[in-house]
Protein backbone atom coordinates (compact mmCIF):
# COMPACT_ATOMS: atom_id res chain seq x y z
CA MET A 1 95.58 -29.93 19.65
CA MET A 2 96.58 -28.55 15.88
CA ALA A 3 99.70 -25.92 15.18
CA HIS A 4 99.04 -22.95 15.97
CA GLN A 5 101.12 -20.96 13.02
CA ALA A 6 102.59 -17.39 14.52
CA ARG A 7 100.26 -14.46 12.59
CA LYS A 8 101.92 -12.33 11.41
CA ARG A 9 98.93 -9.02 11.89
CA PHE A 10 98.74 -9.78 15.20
CA GLY A 11 102.89 -9.21 16.04
CA GLN A 12 102.72 -13.20 17.09
CA HIS A 13 106.61 -14.14 18.96
CA PHE A 14 106.05 -17.16 20.88
CA LEU A 15 108.84 -16.91 24.26
CA ALA A 16 109.69 -20.83 24.14
CA ASP A 17 113.19 -20.37 26.38
CA GLU A 18 112.19 -22.43 29.70
CA SER A 19 115.06 -19.91 31.39
CA VAL A 20 113.83 -17.50 29.98
CA ILE A 21 110.25 -18.00 31.15
CA GLU A 22 111.17 -18.59 34.30
CA ALA A 23 113.52 -15.67 34.73
CA ILE A 24 110.41 -13.14 33.60
CA VAL A 25 108.54 -15.03 36.19
CA ARG A 26 111.13 -14.93 39.23
CA ALA A 27 110.70 -11.80 38.54
CA ILE A 28 107.55 -11.46 39.22
CA ALA A 29 107.00 -13.45 41.89
CA PRO A 30 103.47 -14.84 41.57
CA ALA A 31 101.15 -14.55 44.45
CA ARG A 32 99.01 -16.78 46.20
CA GLY A 33 96.03 -13.54 45.78
CA ASP A 34 97.19 -11.71 42.97
CA ARG A 35 95.64 -9.49 41.19
CA LEU A 36 97.27 -11.24 37.28
CA VAL A 37 96.32 -9.95 34.00
CA GLU A 38 98.27 -11.16 31.38
CA ILE A 39 98.36 -9.44 27.02
CA GLY A 40 99.09 -11.15 24.32
CA PRO A 41 99.17 -15.24 26.01
CA GLY A 42 99.64 -17.19 23.20
CA LEU A 43 100.42 -19.92 23.65
CA SER A 44 100.47 -20.32 27.83
CA ALA A 45 104.43 -20.13 28.10
CA LEU A 46 103.58 -17.89 31.19
CA THR A 47 100.26 -18.68 30.86
CA ARG A 48 100.78 -21.95 32.85
CA PRO A 49 103.76 -20.81 35.37
CA LEU A 50 101.85 -17.78 36.33
CA LEU A 51 98.54 -20.42 37.31
CA GLU A 52 100.67 -22.23 39.16
CA ARG A 53 101.54 -19.79 40.88
CA ALA A 54 98.49 -18.42 41.60
CA ASP A 55 94.77 -18.64 41.91
CA THR A 56 92.93 -16.89 39.20
CA LEU A 57 94.38 -15.16 35.70
CA VAL A 58 92.60 -11.94 33.34
CA ALA A 59 94.58 -13.19 29.49
CA VAL A 60 93.80 -10.58 26.74
CA GLU A 61 94.19 -12.07 23.68
CA ILE A 62 93.42 -10.92 19.87
CA ASP A 63 93.75 -13.90 18.71
CA ARG A 64 91.23 -16.26 18.06
CA ASP A 65 91.89 -19.76 17.77
CA LEU A 66 94.50 -19.08 21.05
CA ALA A 67 91.88 -18.23 22.58
CA ALA A 68 89.53 -20.67 22.34
CA ARG A 69 92.82 -23.47 23.17
CA LEU A 70 93.05 -21.33 26.20
CA ARG A 71 89.07 -22.18 26.65
CA ALA A 72 90.19 -25.41 26.61
CA THR A 73 92.65 -25.84 28.62
CA TYR A 74 92.05 -23.91 31.61
CA PRO A 75 89.21 -24.10 34.07
CA ALA A 76 86.93 -21.06 33.78
CA SER A 77 87.83 -21.26 37.16
CA ARG A 78 90.84 -20.08 37.22
CA LEU A 79 91.89 -17.97 33.32
CA GLU A 80 89.02 -15.47 32.66
CA VAL A 81 90.32 -15.31 29.40
CA VAL A 82 88.81 -11.91 27.25
CA GLU A 83 89.16 -12.29 23.76
CA ALA A 84 90.12 -8.84 22.38
CA ASP A 85 91.69 -6.25 21.59
CA ALA A 86 94.52 -4.92 24.27
CA LEU A 87 93.56 -1.14 23.33
CA THR A 88 90.07 -1.46 23.30
CA VAL A 89 90.15 -3.14 26.79
CA ASP A 90 89.58 -1.04 30.17
CA PHE A 91 92.36 -3.11 32.48
CA GLY A 92 90.48 -0.45 34.85
CA ARG A 93 87.46 -3.09 35.27
CA PHE A 94 90.03 -5.52 36.49
CA GLY A 95 89.54 -4.21 40.11
CA GLN A 96 92.82 -2.96 42.35
CA ARG A 97 96.21 -3.49 42.52
CA LEU A 98 96.50 -5.09 39.79
CA ARG A 99 99.77 -6.30 38.47
CA ILE A 100 99.18 -6.93 34.39
CA VAL A 101 101.79 -8.91 32.15
CA GLY A 102 102.88 -9.96 28.50
CA ASN A 103 104.85 -9.83 25.84
CA LEU A 104 103.46 -7.14 24.15
CA PRO A 105 103.34 -6.82 19.96
CA TYR A 106 106.15 -4.71 18.78
CA ASN A 107 103.82 -2.81 16.65
CA ILE A 108 101.44 -2.08 19.13
CA SER A 109 103.70 -1.07 22.08
CA SER A 110 103.92 2.39 22.58
CA PRO A 111 100.36 2.95 22.51
CA LEU A 112 99.88 -0.01 24.35
CA LEU A 113 102.26 1.16 27.11
CA PHE A 114 99.48 5.10 26.96
CA HIS A 115 96.05 3.28 27.50
CA LEU A 116 96.94 1.32 30.48
CA ALA A 117 99.31 4.23 32.01
CA GLN A 118 95.31 5.18 32.13
CA CYS A 119 94.58 2.73 35.14
CA ALA A 120 98.34 2.98 36.38
CA ASP A 121 96.38 4.21 40.11
CA GLN A 122 94.39 0.34 39.92
CA VAL A 123 98.45 -1.51 38.80
CA CYS A 124 100.32 -2.80 41.48
CA ASP A 125 103.45 -3.37 39.07
CA GLN A 126 103.67 -4.28 35.15
CA HIS A 127 106.22 -6.64 34.10
CA PHE A 128 106.57 -6.42 30.27
CA MET A 129 108.69 -8.15 27.50
CA LEU A 130 109.23 -5.86 24.84
CA GLN A 131 111.96 -4.41 21.75
CA ARG A 132 115.07 -3.09 23.31
CA GLU A 133 115.45 -0.15 21.67
CA VAL A 134 111.70 0.80 23.07
CA ILE A 135 112.98 0.50 26.75
CA ASP A 136 115.41 1.77 26.65
CA ARG A 137 113.96 4.46 25.91
CA MET A 138 111.87 4.69 27.95
CA VAL A 139 114.25 4.04 31.33
CA ALA A 140 116.49 7.03 29.14
CA ARG A 141 118.49 9.52 31.73
CA PRO A 142 118.41 13.08 30.19
CA GLY A 143 121.50 14.36 28.06
CA SER A 144 121.64 10.55 26.67
CA SER A 145 120.60 9.72 22.66
CA ASP A 146 117.60 7.46 24.23
CA TYR A 147 115.82 9.94 26.13
CA GLY A 148 112.90 11.89 24.38
CA ARG A 149 108.67 11.88 24.65
CA LEU A 150 108.44 8.09 25.55
CA SER A 151 111.05 8.70 29.04
CA VAL A 152 109.55 11.96 30.04
CA MET A 153 106.03 10.59 29.33
CA LEU A 154 106.49 7.37 31.22
CA GLN A 155 108.11 8.06 33.79
CA SER A 156 106.03 11.09 34.56
CA ARG A 157 104.39 7.89 35.69
CA TYR A 158 106.69 4.89 36.58
CA ARG A 159 109.55 3.98 38.47
CA MET A 160 110.59 1.48 35.97
CA SER A 161 113.94 -0.62 35.70
CA LYS A 162 115.40 -2.72 32.67
CA LEU A 163 116.22 -6.02 34.07
CA PHE A 164 117.97 -8.17 31.45
CA ASP A 165 117.92 -8.48 27.54
CA VAL A 166 116.75 -11.82 25.79
CA PRO A 167 117.76 -12.67 22.55
CA PRO A 168 115.85 -13.25 18.95
CA GLU A 169 116.44 -17.43 19.77
CA ALA A 170 114.24 -17.44 22.61
CA PHE A 171 111.39 -17.16 20.79
CA ASP A 172 109.07 -19.12 18.07
CA PRO A 173 109.82 -17.00 15.47
CA PRO A 174 112.81 -15.53 15.96
CA PRO A 175 112.05 -11.57 14.86
CA ARG A 176 114.97 -9.48 14.11
CA VAL A 177 115.84 -8.27 17.13
CA VAL A 178 116.52 -8.14 20.40
CA SER A 179 114.21 -7.78 23.70
CA SER A 180 114.54 -7.17 27.28
CA VAL A 181 112.45 -6.92 30.06
CA VAL A 182 111.31 -4.55 32.45
CA ARG A 183 109.36 -3.70 35.16
CA MET A 184 106.82 -0.93 36.35
CA VAL A 185 106.02 0.74 38.60
CA PRO A 186 103.30 3.29 39.48
CA LEU A 187 104.08 6.67 41.39
CA PRO A 188 102.26 7.77 44.69
CA ALA A 189 100.08 10.42 44.47
CA ASP A 190 101.89 12.64 45.56
CA ARG A 191 104.38 12.69 42.71
CA PRO A 192 105.47 15.67 40.66
CA ARG A 193 103.16 16.59 38.17
CA ALA A 194 101.90 18.74 35.90
CA SER A 195 98.75 20.57 36.78
CA SER A 196 97.43 19.55 33.49
CA ASP A 197 98.61 16.10 31.78
CA ALA A 198 97.65 17.34 28.51
CA ALA A 199 100.05 20.33 28.90
CA LEU A 200 102.36 17.77 29.36
CA GLU A 201 101.66 16.20 26.70
CA GLN A 202 102.24 19.32 24.33
CA VAL A 203 104.93 20.98 25.62
CA VAL A 204 107.67 17.64 25.23
CA ALA A 205 106.17 16.92 22.10
CA ARG A 206 106.88 20.24 20.83
CA ALA A 207 110.50 20.38 22.43
CA PHE A 208 110.99 17.16 20.63
CA ALA A 209 109.71 17.67 17.38
CA GLN A 210 113.10 19.37 17.04
CA ARG A 211 115.57 17.91 19.15
CA ARG A 212 118.60 19.35 17.56
CA LYS A 213 117.31 22.02 18.18
CA MET A 214 117.60 24.39 21.58
CA LEU A 215 114.28 25.10 23.45
CA ARG A 216 114.05 28.79 22.59
CA ARG A 217 113.58 28.05 19.02
CA SER A 218 111.76 25.10 18.85
CA LEU A 219 109.20 26.22 21.13
CA GLY A 220 108.18 29.20 19.23
CA ASP A 221 106.17 31.49 20.27
CA TRP A 222 105.84 29.92 23.19
CA ALA A 223 109.30 30.42 24.80
CA ALA A 224 108.26 34.17 25.03
CA ASP A 225 106.08 33.88 27.93
CA VAL A 226 108.49 31.90 29.62
CA ASP A 227 110.51 33.10 33.02
CA TRP A 228 113.58 30.70 31.68
CA ALA A 229 115.94 32.36 35.20
CA GLY A 230 112.86 31.25 37.03
CA LEU A 231 112.54 28.12 36.15
CA GLY A 232 116.63 27.72 36.77
CA ILE A 233 115.88 26.08 32.99
CA ASP A 234 118.47 27.39 30.57
CA PRO A 235 116.56 28.47 26.77
CA THR A 236 119.85 26.74 24.69
CA ALA A 237 119.90 23.99 26.08
CA ARG A 238 118.10 20.99 23.88
CA ALA A 239 114.93 19.36 25.03
CA GLU A 240 116.83 16.00 26.45
CA ALA A 241 119.10 18.57 29.17
CA LEU A 242 115.82 19.00 30.65
CA SER A 243 114.46 16.34 33.36
CA VAL A 244 111.38 15.00 33.74
CA ALA A 245 110.58 17.98 36.33
CA GLN A 246 111.99 20.49 34.70
CA PHE A 247 109.20 19.48 31.32
CA ILE A 248 107.12 19.32 34.20
CA ALA A 249 107.30 22.65 35.66
CA LEU A 250 107.50 24.97 31.76
CA ALA A 251 104.14 22.68 31.56
CA ASP A 252 102.28 24.65 34.36
CA ALA A 253 104.65 27.76 32.94
CA LEU A 254 103.03 27.19 29.76
CA ALA A 255 99.33 26.59 30.84
CA GLN A 256 99.05 29.19 33.39
CA ALA A 257 100.21 31.80 30.38
CA GLY A 258 97.46 28.97 28.05
CA HIS A 259 99.38 28.43 25.18
CA VAL A 260 98.74 24.22 26.25
CA GLY A 261 96.03 22.37 27.62
CA PRO A 262 92.48 22.39 26.78
CA GLN A 263 93.49 20.19 23.33
CA ARG A 264 94.45 17.26 24.97
CA PRO A 265 96.64 15.27 22.02
CA HIS A 266 95.92 11.24 21.14
CA SER A 267 98.68 9.79 23.84
CA ALA A 268 99.34 6.57 20.55
CA GLU A 269 100.36 9.82 17.96
CA LEU A 270 103.43 9.92 20.65
CA ASP A 271 105.64 7.45 18.96
CA PRO A 272 109.36 7.20 20.37
CA LEU A 273 110.74 6.22 17.38
CA PRO A 274 111.16 9.29 15.90
CA ASP A 275 112.27 11.42 17.77
């Protein structure tokens, strides 16, 4: 087959380092019978070793040339190629106990993570390679400079762990940033959760919109209706000091007061980088 030219509009950087590929596959630990879904298979760096260990795989690929290459390389009985933008795909249609993997395009990583959260109840785990800065924000703890909207919203739904870094030279062409691999395991149904997901999104977004301000100022007119002492939250604290559980309690209080809830902001707007 002719060599494929990486396309900037799709944010293509193809993983080429065999040791990194092996490390990712070991972390995933695929098994026969697993319901594997790969986002952005590209030149099959992960697809091939995954299919050596699993019976079947669903590959979501936006690039029609790469999709055609995949269809020509693997039998349809083992590899189902979905030629589409991952942001438009209903991942829930692939079944239960999904294991989702991929080298995600950095330019759509945050909206894609929120899109996938909509089917988290059907997911066993997710292993993704992303820009290191994004993963550092995903797993950040309260009080750290990386802790922000992305941290709170994803940690309210997943247990996450950063596994290892991947240098630029592991890719062709090399990106300008260091990458990392993250494991995401959906929290169980009995997890602490807000009475309204929309309320939690709105409160977290507003609190971090001016993260250097005290909560009583960043929340504006909402602050007057918060029983700060009852919630055990210091109104002079900044957003980065609150735990996920405290944000959930704050969102519930503000939803009960009628300030938040009905108008759900689009999750893709919760860009983690400006936090």
